[in-house]
Each structure stands twice: as structure tokens, then as C-alpha cells.
Amino acid sequence: MAYQAAADALVAITSKLGQFRGESRFATWAYKFVMFEVSAKVGRHFWRKPGVPLDAEDWDRLPERFGFDPAQQAEWHDLLDALHRAVDQELTARQRKVFVAIVLNGIPLDALVIDLGSNRNAIYKTLFDARRKLRAALAANGYMGNDTSRSS
């Protein structure tokens, strides 16, 4: 995997060599290609066969992911139940799949892009729309303020 990442980085550097303007050291400029290729390869490698299926949901783990202590978990239990209902009732199947994969299961965006055969922008937009719908549903049910215009 390391050799493949290095080879891909070399190809990327070679193809963009004409764009090097000399405003920084060459090594510094080339380093960004190496870092991108290595991080992308490592991320894809470990999520090719994720241990958690995309459809699996573990709502009980969500408070742990946010770092709530036991007292906070009790306070947030009602909100999480409302969020679970909103995910089931308000989101489209695709929005639900993306939301569950990224938020509940912690699957990296690049791995989800590959699995769904999509691109990063489409996944970002799907997640943005899902969060907006969920925020509106929670606000309508009195779980949060009605300011749904803030950015996601």
C-alpha cells in the first residue's frame, strides 16, 4: 500500500510539475501530494470492508460518541429518541443511509463515497439536507430553538 501511494503521488507530482511556481520549496509543494495520496489510500484501505454494515444502527452508542457522562446521557435520552424518530420519519432513504453511516457508524466520508458510487460534494449535500430536515423537525417538536437558518 505504501509503495502504491508513493507511486500515485509521484504520478500526481509529475503531472502537475508545470504548475509549480517556485513560491515555496519544491519539497514543500510536493509534500501536499504525498500527504493526500497516503491519507486517501489508508482511509480507503481500512474501509473497503467496513466492520459495521452501512445499514446497522446503534443509537445507544451515540451518547458515548459525544462524550456525555451518565448524568448527561439521562438528560439527552429524550432528545435522542426524538432524533431517532425524526431520522425514521423525515429523511429520504438516501439521506437516512448517509446520516446513519457518517453520524452513527463513524464511517469516513471517502469510504462512503466509494461504497455509494458517488462523490464528496453529493454526500456533503445529502448530509446538509438531512441535518436541515432533522433540525426543523426537532424545532417543530420543541426540542431546540426555531432558528433553523443557521449553517449546518
Protein backbone atom coordinates (compact mmCIF):
# COMPACT_ATOMS: atom_id res chain seq x y z
CA MET A 1 0.00 0.00 0.00
CA ALA A 2 2.85 2.40 0.83
CA TYR A 3 4.56 1.74 -2.50
CA GLN A 4 1.30 2.27 -4.37
CA ALA A 5 0.65 5.54 -2.54
CA ALA A 6 4.19 6.72 -3.27
CA ALA A 7 3.84 5.80 -6.94
CA ASP A 8 0.48 7.59 -7.20
CA ALA A 9 1.94 10.66 -5.50
CA LEU A 10 4.85 10.64 -7.96
CA VAL A 11 2.41 10.47 -10.88
CA ALA A 12 0.40 13.37 -9.41
CA ILE A 13 3.56 15.45 -8.87
CA THR A 14 4.83 14.71 -12.36
CA SER A 15 1.53 15.62 -14.00
CA LYS A 16 1.35 18.94 -12.11
CA LEU A 17 5.03 19.85 -12.42
CA GLY A 18 4.21 22.63 -14.88
CA GLN A 19 2.06 24.29 -12.21
CA PHE A 20 4.94 24.64 -9.73
CA ARG A 21 5.56 28.39 -9.48
CA GLY A 22 8.59 28.33 -7.22
CA GLU A 23 6.87 30.35 -4.47
CA SER A 24 7.90 27.68 -1.95
CA ARG A 25 10.46 24.94 -1.72
CA PHE A 26 9.79 22.13 -4.17
CA ALA A 27 9.76 19.59 -1.35
CA THR A 28 7.07 21.57 0.47
CA TRP A 29 4.95 21.78 -2.69
CA ALA A 30 5.37 18.06 -3.44
CA TYR A 31 4.67 17.11 0.16
CA LYS A 32 0.98 18.02 -0.18
CA PHE A 33 0.56 15.48 -2.99
CA VAL A 34 2.24 12.76 -0.95
CA MET A 35 0.13 13.50 2.13
CA PHE A 36 -3.10 13.50 0.11
CA GLU A 37 -2.31 10.22 -1.64
CA VAL A 38 -1.18 8.41 1.51
CA SER A 39 -4.15 9.57 3.59
CA ALA A 40 -6.61 8.68 0.82
CA LYS A 41 -5.07 5.23 0.34
CA VAL A 42 -5.00 4.44 4.06
CA GLY A 43 -8.58 5.64 4.53
CA ARG A 44 -9.86 3.60 1.61
CA HIS A 45 -7.83 0.54 2.59
CA PHE A 46 -9.28 0.22 6.07
CA TRP A 47 -12.85 0.89 4.96
CA ARG A 48 -13.04 -1.33 1.89
CA LYS A 49 -14.73 -3.95 4.05
CA PRO A 50 -16.04 -1.98 6.99
CA GLY A 51 -16.71 -3.95 10.15
CA VAL A 52 -20.05 -2.18 10.53
CA PRO A 53 -22.58 -2.64 7.74
CA LEU A 54 -23.90 0.64 6.39
CA ASP A 55 -27.44 -0.25 7.44
CA ALA A 56 -26.54 -1.10 11.05
CA GLU A 57 -27.71 1.40 13.62
CA ASP A 58 -26.55 1.63 17.19
CA TRP A 59 -28.36 4.56 18.71
CA ASP A 60 -27.23 3.54 22.19
CA ARG A 61 -23.59 4.33 21.26
CA LEU A 62 -24.39 7.88 20.18
CA PRO A 63 -24.13 9.49 23.64
CA GLU A 64 -20.71 7.86 24.08
CA ARG A 65 -19.52 9.35 20.78
CA PHE A 66 -20.43 12.83 22.06
CA GLY A 67 -18.66 12.21 25.36
CA PHE A 68 -21.69 12.59 27.63
CA ASP A 69 -21.23 11.47 31.20
CA PRO A 70 -24.01 9.28 32.70
CA ALA A 71 -25.95 12.27 34.06
CA GLN A 72 -25.91 13.98 30.67
CA GLN A 73 -26.91 10.74 28.96
CA ALA A 74 -30.09 10.65 31.01
CA GLU A 75 -30.87 14.26 30.09
CA TRP A 76 -30.22 13.67 26.40
CA HIS A 77 -32.08 10.36 26.19
CA ASP A 78 -35.38 12.07 25.30
CA LEU A 79 -33.69 14.23 22.66
CA LEU A 80 -32.01 11.19 21.12
CA ASP A 81 -35.35 9.37 20.98
CA ALA A 82 -36.85 12.36 19.18
CA LEU A 83 -33.87 12.44 16.80
CA HIS A 84 -34.28 8.72 16.09
CA ARG A 85 -37.97 9.23 15.28
CA ALA A 86 -37.14 12.20 13.05
CA VAL A 87 -34.49 10.18 11.17
CA ASP A 88 -37.05 7.42 10.58
CA GLN A 89 -39.91 9.74 9.59
CA GLU A 90 -38.38 12.81 7.94
CA LEU A 91 -35.42 11.63 5.88
CA THR A 92 -35.40 10.00 2.49
CA ALA A 93 -33.81 6.56 2.24
CA ARG A 94 -30.56 8.01 0.85
CA GLN A 95 -30.40 10.78 3.45
CA ARG A 96 -31.01 8.23 6.17
CA LYS A 97 -28.29 5.91 4.84
CA VAL A 98 -25.73 8.75 4.66
CA PHE A 99 -26.68 10.16 8.08
CA VAL A 100 -26.54 6.75 9.79
CA ALA A 101 -23.24 5.83 8.14
CA ILE A 102 -21.44 9.08 8.98
CA VAL A 103 -23.00 10.09 12.30
CA LEU A 104 -23.86 6.79 13.96
CA ASN A 105 -21.29 4.45 12.49
CA GLY A 106 -18.45 6.94 12.03
CA ILE A 107 -17.62 5.75 8.53
CA PRO A 108 -15.19 8.16 6.83
CA LEU A 109 -16.61 10.25 4.03
CA ASP A 110 -14.19 8.87 1.42
CA ALA A 111 -15.16 5.30 2.23
CA LEU A 112 -18.85 6.17 1.94
CA VAL A 113 -18.23 7.90 -1.40
CA ILE A 114 -16.67 4.71 -2.76
CA ASP A 115 -19.36 2.45 -1.32
CA LEU A 116 -22.23 4.54 -2.70
CA GLY A 117 -20.51 5.22 -6.03
CA SER A 118 -20.96 8.96 -5.55
CA ASN A 119 -18.72 11.97 -4.99
CA ARG A 120 -17.81 14.05 -1.95
CA ASN A 121 -19.98 17.03 -2.92
CA ALA A 122 -23.09 14.89 -3.37
CA ILE A 123 -22.57 13.25 0.03
CA TYR A 124 -21.96 16.64 1.68
CA LYS A 125 -25.16 17.99 0.13
CA THR A 126 -27.16 14.93 1.19
CA LEU A 127 -25.89 15.23 4.76
CA PHE A 128 -26.52 19.00 4.77
CA ASP A 129 -30.14 18.49 3.65
CA ALA A 130 -30.65 15.69 6.19
CA ARG A 131 -29.34 17.83 9.04
CA ARG A 132 -31.56 20.72 7.97
CA LYS A 133 -34.64 18.47 7.96
CA LEU A 134 -33.75 16.99 11.33
CA ARG A 135 -33.14 20.40 12.86
CA ALA A 136 -36.50 21.63 11.57
CA ALA A 137 -38.30 18.54 12.91
CA LEU A 138 -36.68 18.88 16.33
CA ALA A 139 -37.52 22.59 16.45
CA ALA A 140 -41.13 21.91 15.46
CA ASN A 141 -41.41 19.45 18.35
CA GLY A 142 -39.89 21.88 20.86
CA TYR A 143 -36.53 20.20 21.33
CA MET A 144 -34.49 23.14 20.11
CA GLY A 145 -34.91 26.77 19.10
CA ASN A 146 -36.72 27.65 15.91
CA ASP A 147 -33.58 29.14 14.33
CA THR A 148 -33.19 26.59 11.53
CA SER A 149 -31.50 29.09 9.25
CA ARG A 150 -28.05 28.68 10.79
CA SER A 151 -25.48 26.81 8.78
CA SER A 152 -25.01 23.07 9.25
